[in-house]
Amino acid sequence: MKVAIIMGSKSDYPVVQKAEQMLAKFNVGYETRIISAHRTPKQAEEFAANAEANGFGCIIAAAGKAAHLAGVLAATTPLPVIGIPMKSSTLDGLDSLLSVVQMPKGVPVATVAIDGAENAALLAVQILSTADPSLRQAMKDFKKKQEEDIIALDKEFNEQKEPVVIKSEK
């Protein structure tokens, strides 16, 4: 299965590209499109309605400001939809975050942090891994490597510091 990445505007691409890079690390196929919930609503509905038949396992939707894209797609597909609220110049992305996260009952959208493309991709990988044992193992390996990297960083950090000596006052 592959992941659909839909962005509301080409200006979202510098953030969305990070999701593409993360999916590529896991050898997960993806297709990235520009489809606007407001300017091309028929195309958004058609894409979402046909996503499952077109081999997608989940959809990542990146949009800013009113950020209705994830909800529009989620309303029309049975696939999981992950929303990336994009940082906007108006309200620093808070408007986008609230638009994506405040979905009505019956139309769920998983939401990551503002500009959180990497986590959107990782969540997509986790969703797809429920049906793919090799992808599940790749996710386990990824998490183990993160742990090992932080342990090594902590060790290196503490080896470079001078020990703190606390003198007791008697």
C-alpha atoms as a PDB file:
ATOM      1  CA  MET A   1       0.000   0.000   0.000  1.00  0.00           C
ATOM      2  CA  LYS A   2       1.025   3.576  -0.545  1.00  0.00           C
ATOM      3  CA  VAL A   3       0.254   6.887   1.144  1.00  0.00           C
ATOM      4  CA  ALA A   4      -1.516   9.811  -0.454  1.00  0.00           C
ATOM      5  CA  ILE A   5      -0.129  13.189   0.546  1.00  0.00           C
ATOM      6  CA  ILE A   6      -2.494  15.996  -0.326  1.00  0.00           C
ATOM      7  CA  MET A   7      -1.562  19.621   0.220  1.00  0.00           C
ATOM      8  CA  GLY A   8      -3.890  22.548  -0.166  1.00  0.00           C
ATOM      9  CA  SER A   9      -1.265  24.792  -1.732  1.00  0.00           C
ATOM     10  CA  LYS A  10       2.150  24.492  -3.365  1.00  0.00           C
ATOM     11  CA  SER A  11       3.471  26.749  -0.594  1.00  0.00           C
ATOM     12  CA  ASP A  12       2.965  23.797   1.792  1.00  0.00           C
ATOM     13  CA  TYR A  13       5.561  21.712  -0.046  1.00  0.00           C
ATOM     14  CA  PRO A  14       8.689  22.603   1.994  1.00  0.00           C
ATOM     15  CA  VAL A  15       6.972  21.039   5.028  1.00  0.00           C
ATOM     16  CA  VAL A  16       5.279  18.222   3.111  1.00  0.00           C
ATOM     17  CA  GLN A  17       8.615  17.239   1.594  1.00  0.00           C
ATOM     18  CA  LYS A  18       9.719  16.122   5.076  1.00  0.00           C
ATOM     19  CA  ALA A  19       6.874  13.577   5.087  1.00  0.00           C
ATOM     20  CA  GLU A  20       8.001  12.310   1.690  1.00  0.00           C
ATOM     21  CA  GLN A  21      11.557  11.898   2.972  1.00  0.00           C
ATOM     22  CA  MET A  22      10.388   9.972   6.047  1.00  0.00           C
ATOM     23  CA  LEU A  23       8.189   7.655   3.976  1.00  0.00           C
ATOM     24  CA  ALA A  24      11.117   7.043   1.622  1.00  0.00           C
ATOM     25  CA  LYS A  25      13.260   5.948   4.609  1.00  0.00           C
ATOM     26  CA  PHE A  26      10.722   3.179   5.189  1.00  0.00           C
ATOM     27  CA  ASN A  27      10.426   2.359   1.472  1.00  0.00           C
ATOM     28  CA  VAL A  28       6.752   3.318   1.556  1.00  0.00           C
ATOM     29  CA  GLY A  29       5.378   4.546  -1.745  1.00  0.00           C
ATOM     30  CA  TYR A  30       3.539   7.831  -1.862  1.00  0.00           C
ATOM     31  CA  GLU A  31       1.878  10.199  -4.266  1.00  0.00           C
ATOM     32  CA  THR A  32       1.806  13.929  -3.544  1.00  0.00           C
ATOM     33  CA  ARG A  33      -0.921  16.143  -4.984  1.00  0.00           C
ATOM     34  CA  ILE A  34      -2.157  19.735  -4.709  1.00  0.00           C
ATOM     35  CA  ILE A  35      -5.901  19.679  -4.140  1.00  0.00           C
ATOM     36  CA  SER A  36      -7.758  22.482  -2.397  1.00  0.00           C
ATOM     37  CA  ALA A  37     -10.813  21.850  -0.234  1.00  0.00           C
ATOM     38  CA  HIS A  38     -12.134  25.278  -1.193  1.00  0.00           C
ATOM     39  CA  ARG A  39     -10.900  25.872  -4.737  1.00  0.00           C
ATOM     40  CA  THR A  40     -11.228  22.311  -6.076  1.00  0.00           C
ATOM     41  CA  PRO A  41     -13.825  20.638  -3.835  1.00  0.00           C
ATOM     42  CA  LYS A  42     -15.035  18.255  -6.551  1.00  0.00           C
ATOM     43  CA  GLN A  43     -11.499  16.986  -7.139  1.00  0.00           C
ATOM     44  CA  ALA A  44     -10.953  16.578  -3.377  1.00  0.00           C
ATOM     45  CA  GLU A  45     -14.134  14.530  -3.049  1.00  0.00           C
ATOM     46  CA  GLU A  46     -13.324  12.436  -6.137  1.00  0.00           C
ATOM     47  CA  PHE A  47      -9.758  11.750  -4.961  1.00  0.00           C
ATOM     48  CA  ALA A  48     -10.911  10.657  -1.510  1.00  0.00           C
ATOM     49  CA  ALA A  49     -13.754   8.530  -2.850  1.00  0.00           C
ATOM     50  CA  ASN A  50     -11.354   6.633  -5.124  1.00  0.00           C
ATOM     51  CA  ALA A  51      -8.293   6.518  -2.836  1.00  0.00           C
ATOM     52  CA  GLU A  52      -8.858   2.993  -1.555  1.00  0.00           C
ATOM     53  CA  ALA A  53      -9.469   1.615  -5.065  1.00  0.00           C
ATOM     54  CA  ASN A  54      -6.304   3.402  -6.210  1.00  0.00           C
ATOM     55  CA  GLY A  55      -4.152   1.475  -3.721  1.00  0.00           C
ATOM     56  CA  PHE A  56      -3.768   3.986  -0.917  1.00  0.00           C
ATOM     57  CA  GLY A  57      -3.733   2.787   2.685  1.00  0.00           C
ATOM     58  CA  CYS A  58      -4.079   6.192   4.302  1.00  0.00           C
ATOM     59  CA  ILE A  59      -4.071   9.872   3.456  1.00  0.00           C
ATOM     60  CA  ILE A  60      -1.988  12.718   4.850  1.00  0.00           C
ATOM     61  CA  ALA A  61      -3.615  16.126   4.352  1.00  0.00           C
ATOM     62  CA  ALA A  62      -1.638  19.357   4.854  1.00  0.00           C
ATOM     63  CA  ALA A  63      -3.461  22.661   4.889  1.00  0.00           C
ATOM     64  CA  GLY A  64      -3.263  26.055   6.513  1.00  0.00           C
ATOM     65  CA  LYS A  65      -5.600  28.788   7.695  1.00  0.00           C
ATOM     66  CA  ALA A  66      -9.161  27.395   7.512  1.00  0.00           C
ATOM     67  CA  ALA A  67      -7.562  23.950   6.909  1.00  0.00           C
ATOM     68  CA  HIS A  68     -10.684  22.050   5.900  1.00  0.00           C
ATOM     69  CA  LEU A  69      -8.831  19.684   3.564  1.00  0.00           C
ATOM     70  CA  ALA A  70      -8.366  16.806   6.024  1.00  0.00           C
ATOM     71  CA  GLY A  71     -12.022  16.916   7.044  1.00  0.00           C
ATOM     72  CA  VAL A  72     -13.292  17.060   3.473  1.00  0.00           C
ATOM     73  CA  LEU A  73     -11.175  14.030   2.571  1.00  0.00           C
ATOM     74  CA  ALA A  74     -12.145  12.151   5.746  1.00  0.00           C
ATOM     75  CA  ALA A  75     -15.835  12.734   5.035  1.00  0.00           C
ATOM     76  CA  THR A  76     -15.529  10.913   1.710  1.00  0.00           C
ATOM     77  CA  THR A  77     -13.146   7.998   2.374  1.00  0.00           C
ATOM     78  CA  PRO A  78     -13.093   5.013   4.720  1.00  0.00           C
ATOM     79  CA  LEU A  79      -9.285   5.331   4.946  1.00  0.00           C
ATOM     80  CA  PRO A  80      -7.507   6.894   7.930  1.00  0.00           C
ATOM     81  CA  VAL A  81      -6.719  10.579   7.379  1.00  0.00           C
ATOM     82  CA  ILE A  82      -3.856  12.329   9.134  1.00  0.00           C
ATOM     83  CA  GLY A  83      -4.014  16.114   9.205  1.00  0.00           C
ATOM     84  CA  ILE A  84      -0.976  18.372   9.233  1.00  0.00           C
ATOM     85  CA  PRO A  85      -1.998  21.867  10.332  1.00  0.00           C
ATOM     86  CA  MET A  86       0.297  24.275   8.507  1.00  0.00           C
ATOM     87  CA  LYS A  87       1.823  27.322  10.131  1.00  0.00           C
ATOM     88  CA  SER A  88       0.254  30.408   8.627  1.00  0.00           C
ATOM     89  CA  SER A  89       1.304  34.008   8.806  1.00  0.00           C
ATOM     90  CA  THR A  90      -1.984  35.098  10.328  1.00  0.00           C
ATOM     91  CA  LEU A  91      -2.236  33.170  13.602  1.00  0.00           C
ATOM     92  CA  ASP A  92       1.025  31.176  13.561  1.00  0.00           C
ATOM     93  CA  GLY A  93      -0.869  27.989  12.674  1.00  0.00           C
ATOM     94  CA  LEU A  94      -3.269  28.006  15.606  1.00  0.00           C
ATOM     95  CA  ASP A  95      -6.135  28.598  13.172  1.00  0.00           C
ATOM     96  CA  SER A  96      -5.015  25.577  11.149  1.00  0.00           C
ATOM     97  CA  LEU A  97      -4.586  23.404  14.232  1.00  0.00           C
ATOM     98  CA  LEU A  98      -8.073  24.144  15.503  1.00  0.00           C
ATOM     99  CA  SER A  99      -9.589  23.576  12.060  1.00  0.00           C
ATOM    100  CA  VAL A 100      -7.966  20.157  11.733  1.00  0.00           C
ATOM    101  CA  VAL A 101      -8.420  18.896  15.278  1.00  0.00           C
ATOM    102  CA  GLN A 102     -12.022  20.036  15.885  1.00  0.00           C
ATOM    103  CA  MET A 103     -13.778  17.538  13.631  1.00  0.00           C
ATOM    104  CA  PRO A 104     -17.410  16.616  14.240  1.00  0.00           C
ATOM    105  CA  LYS A 105     -18.400  13.222  15.588  1.00  0.00           C
ATOM    106  CA  GLY A 106     -18.286  10.584  12.867  1.00  0.00           C
ATOM    107  CA  VAL A 107     -15.524  12.244  10.818  1.00  0.00           C
ATOM    108  CA  PRO A 108     -12.266  11.459  12.621  1.00  0.00           C
ATOM    109  CA  VAL A 109      -8.962  12.990  11.571  1.00  0.00           C
ATOM    110  CA  ALA A 110      -5.732  12.126  13.355  1.00  0.00           C
ATOM    111  CA  THR A 111      -3.866  15.377  13.901  1.00  0.00           C
ATOM    112  CA  VAL A 112      -0.158  15.991  14.380  1.00  0.00           C
ATOM    113  CA  ALA A 113       1.646  19.145  15.480  1.00  0.00           C
ATOM    114  CA  ILE A 114       1.715  22.320  13.430  1.00  0.00           C
ATOM    115  CA  ASP A 115       4.086  21.589  10.509  1.00  0.00           C
ATOM    116  CA  GLY A 116       4.508  18.056  11.923  1.00  0.00           C
ATOM    117  CA  ALA A 117       5.124  16.295   8.602  1.00  0.00           C
ATOM    118  CA  GLU A 118       7.636  13.789   9.957  1.00  0.00           C
ATOM    119  CA  ASN A 119       5.206  12.566  12.613  1.00  0.00           C
ATOM    120  CA  ALA A 120       2.410  12.395  10.042  1.00  0.00           C
ATOM    121  CA  ALA A 121       4.590  10.098   7.939  1.00  0.00           C
ATOM    122  CA  LEU A 122       5.554   7.984  10.954  1.00  0.00           C
ATOM    123  CA  LEU A 123       1.901   7.615  11.922  1.00  0.00           C
ATOM    124  CA  ALA A 124       1.101   6.596   8.342  1.00  0.00           C
ATOM    125  CA  VAL A 125       3.849   3.961   8.522  1.00  0.00           C
ATOM    126  CA  GLN A 126       2.448   2.676  11.819  1.00  0.00           C
ATOM    127  CA  ILE A 127      -1.040   2.445  10.303  1.00  0.00           C
ATOM    128  CA  LEU A 128       0.222   0.563   7.252  1.00  0.00           C
ATOM    129  CA  SER A 129       2.352  -1.692   9.476  1.00  0.00           C
ATOM    130  CA  THR A 130      -0.769  -3.237  10.996  1.00  0.00           C
ATOM    131  CA  ALA A 131      -1.040  -5.240   7.759  1.00  0.00           C
ATOM    132  CA  ASP A 132       2.676  -5.553   6.937  1.00  0.00           C
ATOM    133  CA  PRO A 133       4.990  -7.396   9.367  1.00  0.00           C
ATOM    134  CA  SER A 134       8.161  -6.184   7.610  1.00  0.00           C
ATOM    135  CA  LEU A 135       7.015  -2.579   7.953  1.00  0.00           C
ATOM    136  CA  ARG A 136       6.191  -3.227  11.620  1.00  0.00           C
ATOM    137  CA  GLN A 137       9.753  -4.529  12.131  1.00  0.00           C
ATOM    138  CA  ALA A 138      11.170  -1.474  10.366  1.00  0.00           C
ATOM    139  CA  MET A 139       9.218   0.731  12.801  1.00  0.00           C
ATOM    140  CA  LYS A 140      10.545  -1.254  15.770  1.00  0.00           C
ATOM    141  CA  ASP A 141      14.076  -0.862  14.415  1.00  0.00           C
ATOM    142  CA  PHE A 142      13.517   2.883  13.933  1.00  0.00           C
ATOM    143  CA  LYS A 143      12.359   3.310  17.526  1.00  0.00           C
ATOM    144  CA  LYS A 144      15.277   1.231  18.835  1.00  0.00           C
ATOM    145  CA  LYS A 145      17.746   3.371  16.871  1.00  0.00           C
ATOM    146  CA  GLN A 146      16.194   6.552  18.305  1.00  0.00           C
ATOM    147  CA  GLU A 147      16.684   5.130  21.792  1.00  0.00           C
ATOM    148  CA  GLU A 148      20.293   4.152  21.079  1.00  0.00           C
ATOM    149  CA  ASP A 149      21.050   7.576  19.590  1.00  0.00           C
ATOM    150  CA  ILE A 150      19.759   9.418  22.670  1.00  0.00           C
ATOM    151  CA  ILE A 151      21.647   7.123  25.048  1.00  0.00           C
ATOM    152  CA  ALA A 152      24.865   7.729  23.089  1.00  0.00           C
ATOM    153  CA  LEU A 153      24.218  11.483  23.016  1.00  0.00           C
ATOM    154  CA  ASP A 154      23.644  11.544  26.770  1.00  0.00           C
ATOM    155  CA  LYS A 155      26.847   9.609  27.401  1.00  0.00           C
ATOM    156  CA  GLU A 156      28.875  11.901  25.129  1.00  0.00           C
ATOM    157  CA  PHE A 157      27.333  14.988  26.716  1.00  0.00           C
ATOM    158  CA  ASN A 158      28.121  13.874  30.248  1.00  0.00           C
ATOM    159  CA  GLU A 159      31.677  12.805  29.395  1.00  0.00           C
ATOM    160  CA  GLN A 160      32.412  16.354  28.234  1.00  0.00           C
ATOM    161  CA  LYS A 161      31.122  18.040  31.374  1.00  0.00           C
ATOM    162  CA  GLU A 162      33.070  18.652  34.529  1.00  0.00           C
ATOM    163  CA  PRO A 163      31.538  16.801  37.468  1.00  0.00           C
ATOM    164  CA  VAL A 164      29.664  18.954  39.951  1.00  0.00           C
ATOM    165  CA  VAL A 165      30.977  18.612  43.497  1.00  0.00           C
ATOM    166  CA  ILE A 166      28.696  19.670  46.300  1.00  0.00           C
ATOM    167  CA  LYS A 167      30.484  20.477  49.532  1.00  0.00           C
ATOM    168  CA  SER A 168      28.632  19.839  52.708  1.00  0.00           C
ATOM    169  CA  GLU A 169      28.599  22.550  55.316  1.00  0.00           C
ATOM    170  CA  LYS A 170      29.281  21.108  58.755  1.00  0.00           C
END
